[in-house]
Amino acid sequence: MEISDDLIRRLCDLARLEYDEQEAEALKKDLQRMIAFIEQLNQVDTTGVEPLIFLADHPHPLREDIAQQTITREEAISLAPHHDEAYFRVPPVKS
């Protein structure tokens, strides 16, 4: 797969990354190395190998999902750096 400057520019725009030309070149080299590694993995013969669902021989035991209130709403709001009487205050989201 060819990693072009245009692809790096599009990926950085999608990820909302700010970069200069030196950083873009480093990103391009890193991405080329990652893709070369994945291409090596694609060459491994996996005939007869079952896909893993869990990394261990047995799934991790799950705990009961019991809803419980650990702190009150007022306590949670009082911990926030910015809040009014009932809500957390956050900076506006820019699109």
C-alpha atoms as a PDB file:
ATOM      1  CA  MET A   1       0.000   0.000   0.000  1.00  0.00           C
ATOM      2  CA  GLU A   2       1.338   3.387  -0.987  1.00  0.00           C
ATOM      3  CA  ILE A   3       1.409   6.017   1.751  1.00  0.00           C
ATOM      4  CA  SER A   4       1.169   9.381   0.067  1.00  0.00           C
ATOM      5  CA  ASP A   5       1.413  12.880   1.472  1.00  0.00           C
ATOM      6  CA  ASP A   6      -2.264  13.304   0.594  1.00  0.00           C
ATOM      7  CA  LEU A   7      -3.193  10.256   2.701  1.00  0.00           C
ATOM      8  CA  ILE A   8      -1.218  11.594   5.679  1.00  0.00           C
ATOM      9  CA  ARG A   9      -2.924  14.976   5.268  1.00  0.00           C
ATOM     10  CA  ARG A  10      -6.390  13.353   5.151  1.00  0.00           C
ATOM     11  CA  LEU A  11      -5.686  11.134   8.191  1.00  0.00           C
ATOM     12  CA  CYS A  12      -4.395  14.089  10.197  1.00  0.00           C
ATOM     13  CA  ASP A  13      -7.456  16.129   9.231  1.00  0.00           C
ATOM     14  CA  LEU A  14      -9.777  13.298  10.279  1.00  0.00           C
ATOM     15  CA  ALA A  15      -7.932  12.926  13.590  1.00  0.00           C
ATOM     16  CA  ARG A  16      -7.833  16.735  13.948  1.00  0.00           C
ATOM     17  CA  LEU A  17      -4.069  16.659  14.408  1.00  0.00           C
ATOM     18  CA  GLU A  18      -1.967  19.749  13.940  1.00  0.00           C
ATOM     19  CA  TYR A  19       1.394  18.963  12.351  1.00  0.00           C
ATOM     20  CA  ASP A  20       4.264  20.470  10.442  1.00  0.00           C
ATOM     21  CA  GLU A  21       6.084  18.962   7.457  1.00  0.00           C
ATOM     22  CA  GLN A  22       8.736  17.280   9.620  1.00  0.00           C
ATOM     23  CA  GLU A  23       6.059  15.591  11.758  1.00  0.00           C
ATOM     24  CA  ALA A  24       4.123  14.586   8.634  1.00  0.00           C
ATOM     25  CA  GLU A  25       7.223  12.883   7.252  1.00  0.00           C
ATOM     26  CA  ALA A  26       7.747  11.026  10.543  1.00  0.00           C
ATOM     27  CA  LEU A  27       4.080   9.946  10.521  1.00  0.00           C
ATOM     28  CA  LYS A  28       4.459   8.728   6.944  1.00  0.00           C
ATOM     29  CA  LYS A  29       7.502   6.607   7.852  1.00  0.00           C
ATOM     30  CA  ASP A  30       5.786   5.187  10.947  1.00  0.00           C
ATOM     31  CA  LEU A  31       2.678   4.287   8.964  1.00  0.00           C
ATOM     32  CA  GLN A  32       4.792   2.617   6.263  1.00  0.00           C
ATOM     33  CA  ARG A  33       6.554   0.518   8.934  1.00  0.00           C
ATOM     34  CA  MET A  34       3.220  -0.507  10.495  1.00  0.00           C
ATOM     35  CA  ILE A  35       1.763  -1.555   7.148  1.00  0.00           C
ATOM     36  CA  ALA A  36       4.919  -3.515   6.289  1.00  0.00           C
ATOM     37  CA  PHE A  37       4.551  -5.381   9.600  1.00  0.00           C
ATOM     38  CA  ILE A  38       0.884  -6.184   8.894  1.00  0.00           C
ATOM     39  CA  GLU A  39       1.852  -7.441   5.432  1.00  0.00           C
ATOM     40  CA  GLN A  40       4.329  -9.820   7.107  1.00  0.00           C
ATOM     41  CA  LEU A  41       1.526 -11.133   9.320  1.00  0.00           C
ATOM     42  CA  ASN A  42      -0.637 -11.717   6.245  1.00  0.00           C
ATOM     43  CA  GLN A  43       2.002 -14.149   4.958  1.00  0.00           C
ATOM     44  CA  VAL A  44       1.676 -16.462   7.984  1.00  0.00           C
ATOM     45  CA  ASP A  45      -0.132 -19.723   7.203  1.00  0.00           C
ATOM     46  CA  THR A  46      -3.092 -19.943   9.568  1.00  0.00           C
ATOM     47  CA  THR A  47      -4.714 -22.975   7.969  1.00  0.00           C
ATOM     48  CA  GLY A  48      -6.479 -24.983  10.672  1.00  0.00           C
ATOM     49  CA  VAL A  49      -6.022 -22.346  13.353  1.00  0.00           C
ATOM     50  CA  GLU A  50      -9.286 -21.538  15.072  1.00  0.00           C
ATOM     51  CA  PRO A  51      -9.934 -17.863  15.790  1.00  0.00           C
ATOM     52  CA  LEU A  52      -9.592 -16.829  19.422  1.00  0.00           C
ATOM     53  CA  ILE A  53     -12.613 -15.558  21.260  1.00  0.00           C
ATOM     54  CA  PHE A  54     -10.780 -15.236  24.579  1.00  0.00           C
ATOM     55  CA  LEU A  55      -7.037 -14.897  25.111  1.00  0.00           C
ATOM     56  CA  ALA A  56      -7.157 -17.252  28.096  1.00  0.00           C
ATOM     57  CA  ASP A  57      -8.413 -20.845  28.111  1.00  0.00           C
ATOM     58  CA  HIS A  58     -11.508 -19.757  29.987  1.00  0.00           C
ATOM     59  CA  PRO A  59     -13.521 -16.558  29.897  1.00  0.00           C
ATOM     60  CA  HIS A  60     -13.123 -14.128  32.735  1.00  0.00           C
ATOM     61  CA  PRO A  61     -15.828 -14.525  35.353  1.00  0.00           C
ATOM     62  CA  LEU A  62     -18.306 -11.691  35.301  1.00  0.00           C
ATOM     63  CA  ARG A  63     -19.626 -10.024  38.384  1.00  0.00           C
ATOM     64  CA  GLU A  64     -23.269  -9.317  38.999  1.00  0.00           C
ATOM     65  CA  ASP A  65     -24.256  -6.024  37.434  1.00  0.00           C
ATOM     66  CA  ILE A  66     -26.051  -4.437  40.342  1.00  0.00           C
ATOM     67  CA  ALA A  67     -26.998  -0.771  40.165  1.00  0.00           C
ATOM     68  CA  GLN A  68     -26.062   1.068  43.304  1.00  0.00           C
ATOM     69  CA  GLN A  69     -25.547   4.688  44.123  1.00  0.00           C
ATOM     70  CA  THR A  70     -22.124   5.365  45.556  1.00  0.00           C
ATOM     71  CA  ILE A  71     -22.330   9.149  45.860  1.00  0.00           C
ATOM     72  CA  THR A  72     -25.199  11.564  45.640  1.00  0.00           C
ATOM     73  CA  ARG A  73     -25.793  13.804  42.670  1.00  0.00           C
ATOM     74  CA  GLU A  74     -24.900  16.833  44.757  1.00  0.00           C
ATOM     75  CA  GLU A  75     -21.587  15.256  45.819  1.00  0.00           C
ATOM     76  CA  ALA A  76     -20.713  14.453  42.198  1.00  0.00           C
ATOM     77  CA  ILE A  77     -21.531  17.971  41.028  1.00  0.00           C
ATOM     78  CA  SER A  78     -19.548  19.519  43.878  1.00  0.00           C
ATOM     79  CA  LEU A  79     -16.431  17.618  42.684  1.00  0.00           C
ATOM     80  CA  ALA A  80     -16.574  19.172  39.202  1.00  0.00           C
ATOM     81  CA  PRO A  81     -14.310  22.165  38.601  1.00  0.00           C
ATOM     82  CA  HIS A  82     -17.161  24.041  36.862  1.00  0.00           C
ATOM     83  CA  HIS A  83     -20.797  23.512  37.690  1.00  0.00           C
ATOM     84  CA  ASP A  84     -24.032  25.247  38.480  1.00  0.00           C
ATOM     85  CA  GLU A  85     -26.715  24.019  40.863  1.00  0.00           C
ATOM     86  CA  ALA A  86     -27.652  20.879  38.933  1.00  0.00           C
ATOM     87  CA  TYR A  87     -25.318  20.413  35.946  1.00  0.00           C
ATOM     88  CA  PHE A  88     -21.665  20.039  35.007  1.00  0.00           C
ATOM     89  CA  ARG A  89     -20.402  22.993  32.967  1.00  0.00           C
ATOM     90  CA  VAL A  90     -18.187  22.069  30.023  1.00  0.00           C
ATOM     91  CA  PRO A  91     -16.648  24.117  27.214  1.00  0.00           C
ATOM     92  CA  PRO A  92     -18.759  24.350  24.055  1.00  0.00           C
ATOM     93  CA  VAL A  93     -18.072  21.759  21.370  1.00  0.00           C
ATOM     94  CA  LYS A  94     -16.774  23.246  18.134  1.00  0.00           C
ATOM     95  CA  SER A  95     -17.658  21.494  14.903  1.00  0.00           C
END
